Amino acid sequence: MSPIRILIVEDEVPISRLLETSLTQAGYQCTCAFDGAGCADLLETQRFDLVLLDVMLPGADGFELLPYAREYGAPVIFITARSDVKDRVRGLKLGAEDYITKPFSIEELLARVEVVLRRGHKLASRLVSGDITVDTEARTVLRAGRPVELTAKEFDLLVLFLKNQGIALYRQTLYERVWQDPFEGDTRTVDLHVQRLRRKLGLEGRLVAVYKVGYRLLKEEET
């Protein structure tokens, strides 16, 4: 399964880098543009599942770029310092999926991103990899057609790996996304659950450790 691809269009480099780092650690694949022309060029040449779009940009503003993004099938979330109600209404009427004003928390941004992706069916309810089939709505797992019993945390961890095959995920990311608590540096909980997943699903050769990072679920063609 291909990773979710997000285009970040933000002319303030520190904010752009913060968004890129946070979304990458959450398992998304990110590309950055810093002005209207760069955004348009990327939309023409690459496919994106979501665009995070600043309103105030050099060259062309976000309101002008939004219809262009939608032509290529990419939903848009506005991220802007312009908090006026008229701007918010304008953005939503133009077709934006959401409108987030600065400053905002990364946790809120990640939650809103997930809502938009789920609404657009970018986050599928059925995940398949090799002989493993997962139904995220029914929360069931099959291996070679046979049910596999997982704990709630094991299931959530498996889904996170399946949605990000081929991508190295930090232990901190795994812990915070699955346990939804701040990571305090103790990796034993994550390591233990990964070991159980390997054993229950026969993933010894695919769910591999990445030195000083965390774990990566190899794509089938990598094994």
N, C-alpha and C. Protein backbone atom coordinates (compact mmCIF):
# COMPACT_ATOMS: atom_id res chain seq x y z
N MET A 1 0.84 -1.19 0.00
CA MET A 1 0.00 0.00 0.00
C MET A 1 0.88 1.24 0.00
N SER A 2 0.60 2.17 -0.89
CA SER A 2 1.42 3.37 -1.02
C SER A 2 1.18 4.31 0.16
N PRO A 3 2.23 5.01 0.61
CA PRO A 3 2.05 5.97 1.70
C PRO A 3 1.20 7.15 1.27
N ILE A 4 0.53 7.77 2.22
CA ILE A 4 -0.24 8.98 1.96
C ILE A 4 0.73 10.12 1.65
N ARG A 5 0.49 10.82 0.53
CA ARG A 5 1.41 11.89 0.10
C ARG A 5 0.76 13.25 0.33
N ILE A 6 1.46 14.13 1.06
CA ILE A 6 0.94 15.44 1.42
C ILE A 6 1.85 16.53 0.86
N LEU A 7 1.26 17.51 0.21
CA LEU A 7 1.98 18.68 -0.28
C LEU A 7 1.79 19.82 0.72
N ILE A 8 2.91 20.33 1.25
CA ILE A 8 2.89 21.44 2.20
C ILE A 8 3.29 22.71 1.45
N VAL A 9 2.39 23.68 1.42
CA VAL A 9 2.67 24.93 0.71
C VAL A 9 2.67 26.05 1.74
N GLU A 10 3.86 26.46 2.14
CA GLU A 10 4.05 27.43 3.23
C GLU A 10 5.34 28.18 2.97
N ASP A 11 5.27 29.53 2.91
CA ASP A 11 6.46 30.31 2.56
C ASP A 11 7.37 30.58 3.75
N GLU A 12 6.88 30.40 4.97
CA GLU A 12 7.73 30.56 6.15
C GLU A 12 8.46 29.25 6.40
N VAL A 13 9.76 29.25 6.13
CA VAL A 13 10.54 28.00 6.15
C VAL A 13 10.48 27.29 7.50
N PRO A 14 10.62 27.99 8.65
CA PRO A 14 10.56 27.26 9.93
C PRO A 14 9.23 26.52 10.13
N ILE A 15 8.13 27.16 9.74
CA ILE A 15 6.82 26.50 9.87
C ILE A 15 6.73 25.32 8.92
N SER A 16 7.21 25.51 7.70
CA SER A 16 7.20 24.43 6.71
C SER A 16 7.98 23.22 7.21
N ARG A 17 9.17 23.46 7.78
CA ARG A 17 10.00 22.37 8.28
C ARG A 17 9.35 21.67 9.47
N LEU A 18 8.70 22.45 10.34
CA LEU A 18 8.01 21.86 11.48
C LEU A 18 6.88 20.95 11.01
N LEU A 19 6.11 21.42 10.05
CA LEU A 19 5.03 20.60 9.50
C LEU A 19 5.57 19.35 8.84
N GLU A 20 6.63 19.51 8.06
CA GLU A 20 7.22 18.37 7.37
C GLU A 20 7.72 17.32 8.36
N THR A 21 8.43 17.77 9.38
CA THR A 21 8.97 16.84 10.37
C THR A 21 7.85 16.11 11.11
N SER A 22 6.83 16.86 11.55
CA SER A 22 5.75 16.27 12.33
C SER A 22 4.94 15.27 11.50
N LEU A 23 4.64 15.62 10.27
CA LEU A 23 3.85 14.73 9.42
C LEU A 23 4.66 13.51 8.98
N THR A 24 5.95 13.70 8.75
CA THR A 24 6.80 12.56 8.38
C THR A 24 6.90 11.58 9.53
N GLN A 25 7.07 12.09 10.75
CA GLN A 25 7.13 11.22 11.92
C GLN A 25 5.81 10.50 12.14
N ALA A 26 4.72 11.10 11.69
CA ALA A 26 3.40 10.46 11.80
C ALA A 26 3.17 9.45 10.68
N GLY A 27 4.14 9.31 9.78
CA GLY A 27 4.05 8.28 8.76
C GLY A 27 3.63 8.75 7.38
N TYR A 28 3.47 10.06 7.19
CA TYR A 28 3.09 10.57 5.88
C TYR A 28 4.33 10.91 5.04
N GLN A 29 4.18 10.91 3.74
CA GLN A 29 5.27 11.29 2.83
C GLN A 29 5.01 12.72 2.39
N CYS A 30 5.95 13.61 2.65
CA CYS A 30 5.72 15.05 2.46
C CYS A 30 6.61 15.65 1.38
N THR A 31 6.05 16.63 0.67
CA THR A 31 6.79 17.46 -0.28
C THR A 31 6.46 18.91 0.04
N CYS A 32 7.44 19.80 -0.07
CA CYS A 32 7.23 21.21 0.30
C CYS A 32 7.34 22.13 -0.91
N ALA A 33 6.48 23.13 -0.94
CA ALA A 33 6.57 24.24 -1.90
C ALA A 33 6.50 25.53 -1.09
N PHE A 34 7.13 26.58 -1.61
CA PHE A 34 7.24 27.81 -0.83
C PHE A 34 6.60 29.03 -1.50
N ASP A 35 5.99 28.81 -2.67
CA ASP A 35 5.29 29.90 -3.35
C ASP A 35 4.24 29.31 -4.29
N GLY A 36 3.44 30.19 -4.87
CA GLY A 36 2.36 29.73 -5.72
C GLY A 36 2.83 28.98 -6.95
N ALA A 37 3.88 29.47 -7.59
CA ALA A 37 4.38 28.81 -8.80
C ALA A 37 4.89 27.41 -8.49
N GLY A 38 5.62 27.27 -7.38
CA GLY A 38 6.13 25.96 -6.99
C GLY A 38 5.02 24.99 -6.70
N CYS A 39 3.96 25.47 -6.06
CA CYS A 39 2.81 24.64 -5.79
C CYS A 39 2.17 24.14 -7.08
N ALA A 40 1.95 25.06 -8.03
CA ALA A 40 1.32 24.69 -9.30
C ALA A 40 2.16 23.68 -10.06
N ASP A 41 3.47 23.88 -10.07
CA ASP A 41 4.36 22.95 -10.78
C ASP A 41 4.27 21.54 -10.19
N LEU A 42 4.25 21.45 -8.87
CA LEU A 42 4.19 20.14 -8.23
C LEU A 42 2.84 19.46 -8.46
N LEU A 43 1.77 20.23 -8.45
CA LEU A 43 0.45 19.65 -8.70
C LEU A 43 0.36 19.09 -10.11
N GLU A 44 1.03 19.74 -11.05
CA GLU A 44 0.99 19.30 -12.45
C GLU A 44 1.79 18.02 -12.67
N THR A 45 2.83 17.82 -11.87
CA THR A 45 3.77 16.72 -12.16
C THR A 45 3.70 15.55 -11.18
N GLN A 46 3.04 15.74 -10.02
CA GLN A 46 2.99 14.68 -9.02
C GLN A 46 1.57 14.51 -8.49
N ARG A 47 1.32 13.35 -7.90
CA ARG A 47 0.01 13.08 -7.31
C ARG A 47 0.09 13.28 -5.80
N PHE A 48 -0.91 13.97 -5.25
CA PHE A 48 -0.97 14.19 -3.81
C PHE A 48 -2.35 13.81 -3.27
N ASP A 49 -2.35 13.27 -2.06
CA ASP A 49 -3.60 12.89 -1.41
C ASP A 49 -4.20 14.04 -0.62
N LEU A 50 -3.37 15.05 -0.33
CA LEU A 50 -3.83 16.19 0.46
C LEU A 50 -2.86 17.35 0.27
N VAL A 51 -3.40 18.58 0.28
CA VAL A 51 -2.57 19.78 0.21
C VAL A 51 -2.84 20.62 1.46
N LEU A 52 -1.77 20.95 2.20
CA LEU A 52 -1.85 21.92 3.29
C LEU A 52 -1.40 23.26 2.71
N LEU A 53 -2.32 24.20 2.64
CA LEU A 53 -2.10 25.39 1.82
C LEU A 53 -2.21 26.68 2.64
N ASP A 54 -1.13 27.45 2.66
CA ASP A 54 -1.16 28.77 3.28
C ASP A 54 -1.94 29.71 2.36
N VAL A 55 -2.58 30.70 2.94
CA VAL A 55 -3.33 31.67 2.13
C VAL A 55 -2.40 32.71 1.55
N MET A 56 -1.54 33.28 2.38
CA MET A 56 -0.67 34.37 1.93
C MET A 56 0.65 33.81 1.41
N LEU A 57 0.78 33.78 0.08
CA LEU A 57 1.96 33.21 -0.57
C LEU A 57 2.49 34.16 -1.64
N PRO A 58 3.78 34.14 -1.90
CA PRO A 58 4.32 34.91 -3.03
C PRO A 58 3.80 34.35 -4.35
N GLY A 59 3.50 35.22 -5.27
CA GLY A 59 3.12 34.78 -6.62
C GLY A 59 1.63 34.61 -6.81
N ALA A 60 1.02 33.71 -6.06
CA ALA A 60 -0.43 33.49 -6.13
C ALA A 60 -0.88 33.08 -4.74
N ASP A 61 -1.99 33.63 -4.28
CA ASP A 61 -2.40 33.29 -2.92
C ASP A 61 -3.16 31.97 -2.91
N GLY A 62 -3.41 31.49 -1.70
CA GLY A 62 -4.05 30.20 -1.55
C GLY A 62 -5.44 30.13 -2.15
N PHE A 63 -6.17 31.23 -2.07
CA PHE A 63 -7.52 31.24 -2.64
C PHE A 63 -7.48 31.00 -4.16
N GLU A 64 -6.45 31.54 -4.80
CA GLU A 64 -6.30 31.33 -6.25
C GLU A 64 -5.84 29.91 -6.57
N LEU A 65 -5.05 29.32 -5.67
CA LEU A 65 -4.51 27.99 -5.93
C LEU A 65 -5.48 26.86 -5.61
N LEU A 66 -6.44 27.13 -4.73
CA LEU A 66 -7.33 26.06 -4.31
C LEU A 66 -8.08 25.40 -5.47
N PRO A 67 -8.73 26.16 -6.38
CA PRO A 67 -9.41 25.50 -7.49
C PRO A 67 -8.45 24.69 -8.37
N TYR A 68 -7.22 25.15 -8.47
CA TYR A 68 -6.21 24.45 -9.25
C TYR A 68 -5.89 23.10 -8.63
N ALA A 69 -5.75 23.10 -7.29
CA ALA A 69 -5.48 21.84 -6.59
C ALA A 69 -6.63 20.87 -6.76
N ARG A 70 -7.84 21.38 -6.69
CA ARG A 70 -9.01 20.50 -6.79
C ARG A 70 -9.14 19.89 -8.18
N GLU A 71 -8.65 20.60 -9.21
CA GLU A 71 -8.67 20.04 -10.56
C GLU A 71 -7.89 18.74 -10.62
N TYR A 72 -6.87 18.62 -9.79
CA TYR A 72 -6.03 17.43 -9.77
C TYR A 72 -6.47 16.44 -8.69
N GLY A 73 -7.65 16.67 -8.13
CA GLY A 73 -8.23 15.72 -7.20
C GLY A 73 -7.65 15.74 -5.81
N ALA A 74 -6.94 16.82 -5.44
CA ALA A 74 -6.31 16.89 -4.12
C ALA A 74 -7.16 17.74 -3.17
N PRO A 75 -7.66 17.17 -2.08
CA PRO A 75 -8.37 17.99 -1.09
C PRO A 75 -7.42 18.97 -0.42
N VAL A 76 -7.96 20.08 0.06
CA VAL A 76 -7.13 21.16 0.60
C VAL A 76 -7.56 21.52 2.02
N ILE A 77 -6.56 21.66 2.89
CA ILE A 77 -6.77 22.27 4.20
C ILE A 77 -5.99 23.58 4.22
N PHE A 78 -6.67 24.68 4.47
CA PHE A 78 -5.98 25.96 4.60
C PHE A 78 -5.31 26.05 5.97
N ILE A 79 -4.07 26.54 5.99
CA ILE A 79 -3.36 26.84 7.22
C ILE A 79 -2.88 28.28 7.12
N THR A 80 -3.41 29.16 7.93
CA THR A 80 -3.15 30.58 7.72
C THR A 80 -3.27 31.38 9.01
N ALA A 81 -2.62 32.53 9.01
CA ALA A 81 -2.74 33.46 10.13
C ALA A 81 -3.98 34.34 9.99
N ARG A 82 -4.64 34.27 8.84
CA ARG A 82 -5.83 35.10 8.61
C ARG A 82 -7.04 34.44 9.26
N SER A 83 -7.43 34.99 10.40
CA SER A 83 -8.50 34.37 11.20
C SER A 83 -9.85 35.05 11.03
N ASP A 84 -9.93 36.04 10.13
CA ASP A 84 -11.19 36.74 9.92
C ASP A 84 -12.26 35.77 9.44
N VAL A 85 -13.46 35.94 9.95
CA VAL A 85 -14.56 35.03 9.58
C VAL A 85 -14.82 35.07 8.09
N LYS A 86 -14.68 36.23 7.47
CA LYS A 86 -14.93 36.33 6.03
C LYS A 86 -13.94 35.48 5.24
N ASP A 87 -12.69 35.47 5.67
CA ASP A 87 -11.69 34.63 4.99
C ASP A 87 -12.01 33.16 5.17
N ARG A 88 -12.41 32.78 6.39
CA ARG A 88 -12.75 31.39 6.65
C ARG A 88 -13.93 30.95 5.77
N VAL A 89 -14.96 31.78 5.74
CA VAL A 89 -16.15 31.45 4.93
C VAL A 89 -15.78 31.38 3.45
N ARG A 90 -14.95 32.31 3.00
CA ARG A 90 -14.53 32.30 1.60
C ARG A 90 -13.80 31.02 1.25
N GLY A 91 -12.87 30.62 2.12
CA GLY A 91 -12.10 29.41 1.86
C GLY A 91 -12.98 28.17 1.81
N LEU A 92 -13.91 28.07 2.73
CA LEU A 92 -14.79 26.90 2.76
C LEU A 92 -15.74 26.90 1.57
N LYS A 93 -16.23 28.07 1.18
CA LYS A 93 -17.12 28.13 0.02
C LYS A 93 -16.40 27.80 -1.28
N LEU A 94 -15.11 28.10 -1.33
CA LEU A 94 -14.32 27.75 -2.52
C LEU A 94 -14.08 26.25 -2.63
N GLY A 95 -14.29 25.54 -1.52
CA GLY A 95 -14.14 24.09 -1.56
C GLY A 95 -13.09 23.50 -0.66
N ALA A 96 -12.50 24.31 0.24
CA ALA A 96 -11.52 23.75 1.18
C ALA A 96 -12.21 22.78 2.13
N GLU A 97 -11.52 21.73 2.51
CA GLU A 97 -12.07 20.75 3.44
C GLU A 97 -12.04 21.26 4.88
N ASP A 98 -11.07 22.13 5.17
CA ASP A 98 -10.93 22.64 6.53
C ASP A 98 -10.13 23.93 6.48
N TYR A 99 -10.15 24.68 7.57
CA TYR A 99 -9.48 25.98 7.64
C TYR A 99 -8.90 26.09 9.05
N ILE A 100 -7.57 26.02 9.17
CA ILE A 100 -6.91 26.05 10.48
C ILE A 100 -6.14 27.36 10.61
N THR A 101 -6.36 28.06 11.70
CA THR A 101 -5.67 29.33 11.90
C THR A 101 -4.47 29.15 12.82
N LYS A 102 -3.41 29.93 12.52
CA LYS A 102 -2.21 29.91 13.33
C LYS A 102 -2.42 30.81 14.54
N PRO A 103 -1.81 30.46 15.69
CA PRO A 103 -1.04 29.24 15.95
C PRO A 103 -1.97 28.06 16.20
N PHE A 104 -1.47 26.86 15.96
CA PHE A 104 -2.26 25.65 16.19
C PHE A 104 -1.33 24.59 16.77
N SER A 105 -1.90 23.58 17.37
CA SER A 105 -1.09 22.48 17.92
C SER A 105 -0.92 21.42 16.84
N ILE A 106 0.22 20.73 16.89
CA ILE A 106 0.47 19.65 15.94
C ILE A 106 -0.56 18.54 16.13
N GLU A 107 -0.96 18.28 17.37
CA GLU A 107 -1.94 17.23 17.63
C GLU A 107 -3.26 17.54 16.93
N GLU A 108 -3.66 18.82 16.98
CA GLU A 108 -4.90 19.21 16.31
C GLU A 108 -4.76 19.05 14.80
N LEU A 109 -3.61 19.47 14.27
CA LEU A 109 -3.38 19.35 12.83
C LEU A 109 -3.47 17.89 12.39
N LEU A 110 -2.79 16.99 13.11
CA LEU A 110 -2.81 15.58 12.73
C LEU A 110 -4.22 15.01 12.78
N ALA A 111 -4.99 15.42 13.77
CA ALA A 111 -6.37 14.94 13.87
C ALA A 111 -7.20 15.42 12.69
N ARG A 112 -7.03 16.67 12.31
CA ARG A 112 -7.81 17.22 11.20
C ARG A 112 -7.39 16.59 9.86
N VAL A 113 -6.09 16.32 9.73
CA VAL A 113 -5.60 15.65 8.52
C VAL A 113 -6.25 14.27 8.39
N GLU A 114 -6.30 13.54 9.49
CA GLU A 114 -6.89 12.20 9.45
C GLU A 114 -8.37 12.26 9.09
N VAL A 115 -9.08 13.25 9.62
CA VAL A 115 -10.51 13.38 9.32
C VAL A 115 -10.72 13.61 7.83
N VAL A 116 -9.93 14.50 7.24
CA VAL A 116 -10.09 14.81 5.82
C VAL A 116 -9.73 13.61 4.95
N LEU A 117 -8.65 12.91 5.30
CA LEU A 117 -8.25 11.74 4.52
C LEU A 117 -9.30 10.64 4.62
N ARG A 118 -9.86 10.46 5.80
CA ARG A 118 -10.90 9.44 5.98
C ARG A 118 -12.16 9.82 5.19
N ARG A 119 -12.49 11.09 5.20
CA ARG A 119 -13.67 11.57 4.46
C ARG A 119 -13.51 11.32 2.97
N GLY A 120 -12.28 11.47 2.48
CA GLY A 120 -12.02 11.25 1.06
C GLY A 120 -11.67 9.81 0.74
N HIS A 121 -11.85 8.91 1.71
CA HIS A 121 -11.59 7.48 1.52
C HIS A 121 -10.13 7.22 1.16
N LYS A 122 -9.25 8.13 1.55
CA LYS A 122 -7.83 7.88 1.35
C LYS A 122 -7.32 6.89 2.39
N LEU A 123 -7.99 6.85 3.53
CA LEU A 123 -7.65 5.87 4.55
C LEU A 123 -8.62 4.71 4.41
N ALA A 124 -8.21 3.67 3.73
CA ALA A 124 -9.10 2.56 3.41
C ALA A 124 -9.42 1.74 4.66
N SER A 125 -10.61 1.11 4.65
CA SER A 125 -11.00 0.27 5.78
C SER A 125 -10.44 -1.13 5.65
N ARG A 126 -9.97 -1.52 4.46
CA ARG A 126 -9.43 -2.87 4.25
C ARG A 126 -7.98 -2.74 3.79
N LEU A 127 -7.08 -3.34 4.55
CA LEU A 127 -5.66 -3.30 4.24
C LEU A 127 -5.19 -4.71 3.97
N VAL A 128 -4.44 -4.89 2.89
CA VAL A 128 -3.95 -6.21 2.51
C VAL A 128 -2.46 -6.13 2.25
N SER A 129 -1.71 -7.09 2.81
CA SER A 129 -0.28 -7.18 2.57
C SER A 129 0.12 -8.64 2.68
N GLY A 130 0.54 -9.22 1.57
CA GLY A 130 0.89 -10.64 1.57
C GLY A 130 -0.32 -11.47 1.93
N ASP A 131 -0.17 -12.33 2.94
CA ASP A 131 -1.30 -13.16 3.35
C ASP A 131 -2.06 -12.57 4.53
N ILE A 132 -1.78 -11.28 4.82
CA ILE A 132 -2.46 -10.60 5.94
C ILE A 132 -3.54 -9.68 5.40
N THR A 133 -4.76 -9.80 5.94
CA THR A 133 -5.87 -8.93 5.57
C THR A 133 -6.45 -8.33 6.85
N VAL A 134 -6.59 -7.00 6.85
CA VAL A 134 -7.09 -6.30 8.03
C VAL A 134 -8.32 -5.48 7.64
N ASP A 135 -9.38 -5.60 8.42
CA ASP A 135 -10.57 -4.75 8.28
C ASP A 135 -10.54 -3.77 9.44
N THR A 136 -10.25 -2.51 9.14
CA THR A 136 -10.06 -1.53 10.21
C THR A 136 -11.38 -1.14 10.88
N GLU A 137 -12.49 -1.30 10.17
CA GLU A 137 -13.78 -0.97 10.78
C GLU A 137 -14.26 -2.09 11.69
N ALA A 138 -14.17 -3.34 11.21
CA ALA A 138 -14.57 -4.48 12.03
C ALA A 138 -13.49 -4.87 13.03
N ARG A 139 -12.26 -4.34 12.82
CA ARG A 139 -11.10 -4.64 13.66
C ARG A 139 -10.83 -6.14 13.71
N THR A 140 -10.77 -6.72 12.52
CA THR A 140 -10.46 -8.14 12.39
C THR A 140 -9.19 -8.32 11.57
N VAL A 141 -8.47 -9.41 11.84
CA VAL A 141 -7.23 -9.72 11.14
C VAL A 141 -7.28 -11.17 10.67
N LEU A 142 -6.93 -11.37 9.40
CA LEU A 142 -6.82 -12.72 8.85
C LEU A 142 -5.40 -12.93 8.37
N ARG A 143 -4.88 -14.14 8.63
CA ARG A 143 -3.61 -14.55 8.06
C ARG A 143 -3.84 -15.83 7.27
N ALA A 144 -3.62 -15.76 5.97
CA ALA A 144 -3.90 -16.90 5.08
C ALA A 144 -5.33 -17.38 5.26
N GLY A 145 -6.25 -16.41 5.44
CA GLY A 145 -7.67 -16.73 5.56
C GLY A 145 -8.12 -17.14 6.94
N ARG A 146 -7.21 -17.25 7.89
CA ARG A 146 -7.57 -17.68 9.24
C ARG A 146 -7.50 -16.51 10.22
N PRO A 147 -8.48 -16.39 11.12
CA PRO A 147 -8.49 -15.28 12.07
C PRO A 147 -7.28 -15.32 13.00
N VAL A 148 -6.76 -14.14 13.30
CA VAL A 148 -5.66 -13.98 14.26
C VAL A 148 -6.13 -13.06 15.36
N GLU A 149 -5.99 -13.50 16.59
CA GLU A 149 -6.41 -12.69 17.74
C GLU A 149 -5.28 -11.74 18.14
N LEU A 150 -5.58 -10.44 18.09
CA LEU A 150 -4.62 -9.42 18.53
C LEU A 150 -5.24 -8.60 19.64
N THR A 151 -4.41 -8.09 20.54
CA THR A 151 -4.90 -7.12 21.51
C THR A 151 -5.19 -5.81 20.79
N ALA A 152 -5.87 -4.90 21.47
CA ALA A 152 -6.22 -3.61 20.86
C ALA A 152 -4.98 -2.85 20.42
N LYS A 153 -3.94 -2.84 21.26
CA LYS A 153 -2.72 -2.11 20.92
C LYS A 153 -1.97 -2.80 19.79
N GLU A 154 -1.94 -4.13 19.79
CA GLU A 154 -1.29 -4.86 18.71
C GLU A 154 -1.99 -4.56 17.38
N PHE A 155 -3.31 -4.50 17.41
CA PHE A 155 -4.06 -4.21 16.20
C PHE A 155 -3.73 -2.81 15.68
N ASP A 156 -3.76 -1.83 16.56
CA ASP A 156 -3.48 -0.45 16.14
C ASP A 156 -2.06 -0.32 15.61
N LEU A 157 -1.13 -1.03 16.23
CA LEU A 157 0.26 -1.01 15.78
C LEU A 157 0.38 -1.62 14.39
N LEU A 158 -0.30 -2.74 14.17
CA LEU A 158 -0.28 -3.39 12.85
C LEU A 158 -0.84 -2.47 11.78
N VAL A 159 -1.95 -1.82 12.06
CA VAL A 159 -2.55 -0.91 11.08
C VAL A 159 -1.59 0.22 10.73
N LEU A 160 -0.90 0.76 11.72
CA LEU A 160 0.05 1.85 11.48
C LEU A 160 1.18 1.37 10.56
N PHE A 161 1.69 0.17 10.81
CA PHE A 161 2.74 -0.37 9.94
C PHE A 161 2.22 -0.62 8.52
N LEU A 162 1.02 -1.18 8.39
CA LEU A 162 0.49 -1.49 7.07
C LEU A 162 0.22 -0.24 6.25
N LYS A 163 -0.16 0.83 6.89
CA LYS A 163 -0.41 2.09 6.18
C LYS A 163 0.87 2.79 5.77
N ASN A 164 2.00 2.32 6.30
CA ASN A 164 3.27 3.00 6.04
C ASN A 164 4.36 2.00 5.67
N GLN A 165 4.00 1.03 4.83
CA GLN A 165 4.97 0.01 4.44
C GLN A 165 6.17 0.65 3.74
N GLY A 166 7.36 0.18 4.11
CA GLY A 166 8.59 0.69 3.52
C GLY A 166 9.13 1.93 4.20
N ILE A 167 8.40 2.47 5.17
CA ILE A 167 8.81 3.70 5.84
C ILE A 167 9.26 3.38 7.26
N ALA A 168 10.43 3.89 7.64
CA ALA A 168 10.93 3.71 9.00
C ALA A 168 10.14 4.62 9.95
N LEU A 169 9.55 4.04 10.98
CA LEU A 169 8.76 4.79 11.94
C LEU A 169 9.50 4.85 13.28
N TYR A 170 9.60 6.04 13.83
CA TYR A 170 10.28 6.21 15.11
C TYR A 170 9.48 5.53 16.23
N ARG A 171 10.20 5.00 17.22
CA ARG A 171 9.53 4.43 18.38
C ARG A 171 8.63 5.46 19.04
N GLN A 172 9.10 6.71 19.09
CA GLN A 172 8.28 7.77 19.67
C GLN A 172 6.97 7.92 18.92
N THR A 173 7.04 7.90 17.58
CA THR A 173 5.83 8.01 16.77
C THR A 173 4.89 6.84 17.03
N LEU A 174 5.44 5.63 17.05
CA LEU A 174 4.63 4.44 17.29
C LEU A 174 3.92 4.54 18.64
N TYR A 175 4.67 4.93 19.66
CA TYR A 175 4.09 5.00 20.99
C TYR A 175 3.00 6.07 21.08
N GLU A 176 3.30 7.25 20.57
CA GLU A 176 2.35 8.35 20.71
C GLU A 176 1.10 8.14 19.86
N ARG A 177 1.24 7.50 18.68
CA ARG A 177 0.07 7.26 17.84
C ARG A 177 -0.79 6.11 18.36
N VAL A 178 -0.16 5.09 18.92
CA VAL A 178 -0.92 3.91 19.37
C VAL A 178 -1.40 4.05 20.81
N TRP A 179 -0.50 4.48 21.71
CA TRP A 179 -0.87 4.60 23.11
C TRP A 179 -1.45 5.96 23.44
N GLN A 180 -1.23 6.93 22.58
CA GLN A 180 -1.78 8.29 22.72
C GLN A 180 -1.39 8.92 24.06
N ASP A 181 -0.15 8.68 24.43
CA ASP A 181 0.44 9.30 25.61
C ASP A 181 1.79 9.89 25.22
N PRO A 182 2.27 10.88 25.96
CA PRO A 182 3.61 11.41 25.66
C PRO A 182 4.67 10.33 25.83
N PHE A 183 5.61 10.30 24.92
CA PHE A 183 6.70 9.31 24.97
C PHE A 183 7.76 9.80 25.94
N GLU A 184 8.13 8.95 26.90
CA GLU A 184 9.09 9.34 27.94
C GLU A 184 10.41 8.60 27.82
N GLY A 185 10.64 7.96 26.68
CA GLY A 185 11.94 7.35 26.41
C GLY A 185 12.04 5.87 26.70
N ASP A 186 11.02 5.25 27.30
CA ASP A 186 11.06 3.82 27.60
C ASP A 186 10.52 3.06 26.39
N THR A 187 11.41 2.31 25.72
CA THR A 187 11.02 1.64 24.47
C THR A 187 10.51 0.22 24.69
N ARG A 188 10.50 -0.27 25.93
CA ARG A 188 10.17 -1.67 26.16
C ARG A 188 8.76 -2.02 25.74
N THR A 189 7.83 -1.11 25.96
CA THR A 189 6.44 -1.39 25.59
C THR A 189 6.31 -1.59 24.09
N VAL A 190 6.90 -0.68 23.31
CA VAL A 190 6.85 -0.80 21.85
C VAL A 190 7.56 -2.07 21.40
N ASP A 191 8.74 -2.32 21.92
CA ASP A 191 9.52 -3.49 21.50
C ASP A 191 8.77 -4.79 21.78
N LEU A 192 8.13 -4.88 22.93
CA LEU A 192 7.41 -6.09 23.29
C LEU A 192 6.24 -6.34 22.34
N HIS A 193 5.50 -5.29 22.01
CA HIS A 193 4.36 -5.44 21.10
C HIS A 193 4.81 -5.80 19.69
N VAL A 194 5.93 -5.24 19.25
CA VAL A 194 6.47 -5.58 17.93
C VAL A 194 6.86 -7.06 17.90
N GLN A 195 7.50 -7.53 18.96
CA GLN A 195 7.88 -8.94 19.03
C GLN A 195 6.68 -9.86 18.93
N ARG A 196 5.58 -9.48 19.60
CA ARG A 196 4.37 -10.32 19.56
C ARG A 196 3.74 -10.29 18.17
N LEU A 197 3.75 -9.13 17.52
CA LEU A 197 3.22 -9.05 16.16
C LEU A 197 4.01 -9.95 15.21
N ARG A 198 5.32 -9.90 15.32
CA ARG A 198 6.15 -10.76 14.48
C ARG A 198 5.76 -12.23 14.64
N ARG A 199 5.61 -12.65 15.89
CA ARG A 199 5.34 -14.05 16.16
C ARG A 199 3.94 -14.46 15.68
N LYS A 200 2.94 -13.64 15.98
CA LYS A 200 1.57 -14.00 15.64
C LYS A 200 1.30 -13.99 14.14
N LEU A 201 1.99 -13.10 13.40
CA LEU A 201 1.70 -12.92 11.98
C LEU A 201 2.82 -13.39 11.06
N GLY A 202 3.85 -14.02 11.64
CA GLY A 202 4.93 -14.53 10.80
C GLY A 202 5.70 -13.44 10.09
N LEU A 203 5.93 -12.33 10.79
CA LEU A 203 6.58 -11.17 10.17
C LEU A 203 8.06 -11.05 10.55
N GLU A 204 8.66 -12.14 10.97
CA GLU A 204 10.07 -12.08 11.41
C GLU A 204 11.00 -11.51 10.35
N GLY A 205 10.73 -11.81 9.08
CA GLY A 205 11.61 -11.33 8.02
C GLY A 205 11.20 -10.00 7.42
N ARG A 206 10.04 -9.47 7.83
CA ARG A 206 9.54 -8.23 7.23
C ARG A 206 9.47 -7.05 8.19
N LEU A 207 9.15 -7.30 9.44
CA LEU A 207 9.05 -6.22 10.42
C LEU A 207 10.41 -6.08 11.10
N VAL A 208 11.23 -5.18 10.56
CA VAL A 208 12.64 -5.13 10.93
C VAL A 208 12.95 -3.90 11.77
N ALA A 209 13.97 -4.04 12.62
CA ALA A 209 14.44 -2.91 13.43
C ALA A 209 15.31 -1.99 12.59
N VAL A 210 15.18 -0.70 12.82
CA VAL A 210 16.02 0.31 12.16
C VAL A 210 16.85 0.98 13.25
N TYR A 211 18.14 0.87 13.14
CA TYR A 211 19.08 1.32 14.18
C TYR A 211 18.85 2.78 14.55
N LYS A 212 18.68 3.04 15.84
CA LYS A 212 18.50 4.37 16.42
C LYS A 212 17.22 5.07 15.93
N VAL A 213 16.33 4.34 15.30
CA VAL A 213 15.08 4.94 14.82
C VAL A 213 13.89 4.19 15.43
N GLY A 214 13.63 2.99 14.93
CA GLY A 214 12.48 2.24 15.39
C GLY A 214 12.30 0.98 14.57
N TYR A 215 11.22 0.94 13.81
CA TYR A 215 10.91 -0.26 13.03
C TYR A 215 10.37 0.12 11.65
N ARG A 216 10.54 -0.84 10.73
CA ARG A 216 10.02 -0.65 9.37
C ARG A 216 9.41 -1.96 8.90
N LEU A 217 8.21 -1.88 8.35
CA LEU A 217 7.58 -3.05 7.73
C LEU A 217 7.97 -3.04 6.25
N LEU A 218 8.79 -4.00 5.85
CA LEU A 218 9.24 -4.05 4.47
C LEU A 218 8.09 -4.34 3.53
N LYS A 219 8.13 -3.73 2.36
CA LYS A 219 7.18 -4.08 1.31
C LYS A 219 7.49 -5.51 0.84
N GLU A 220 6.48 -6.15 0.25
CA GLU A 220 6.67 -7.54 -0.19
C GLU A 220 7.84 -7.68 -1.15
N GLU A 221 7.99 -6.69 -2.05
CA GLU A 221 9.06 -6.80 -3.04
C GLU A 221 10.45 -6.60 -2.44
N GLU A 222 10.51 -6.11 -1.19
CA GLU A 222 11.80 -5.91 -0.53
C GLU A 222 12.31 -7.17 0.16
N THR A 223 11.43 -8.15 0.33
CA THR A 223 11.83 -9.36 1.06
C THR A 223 12.32 -10.44 0.12
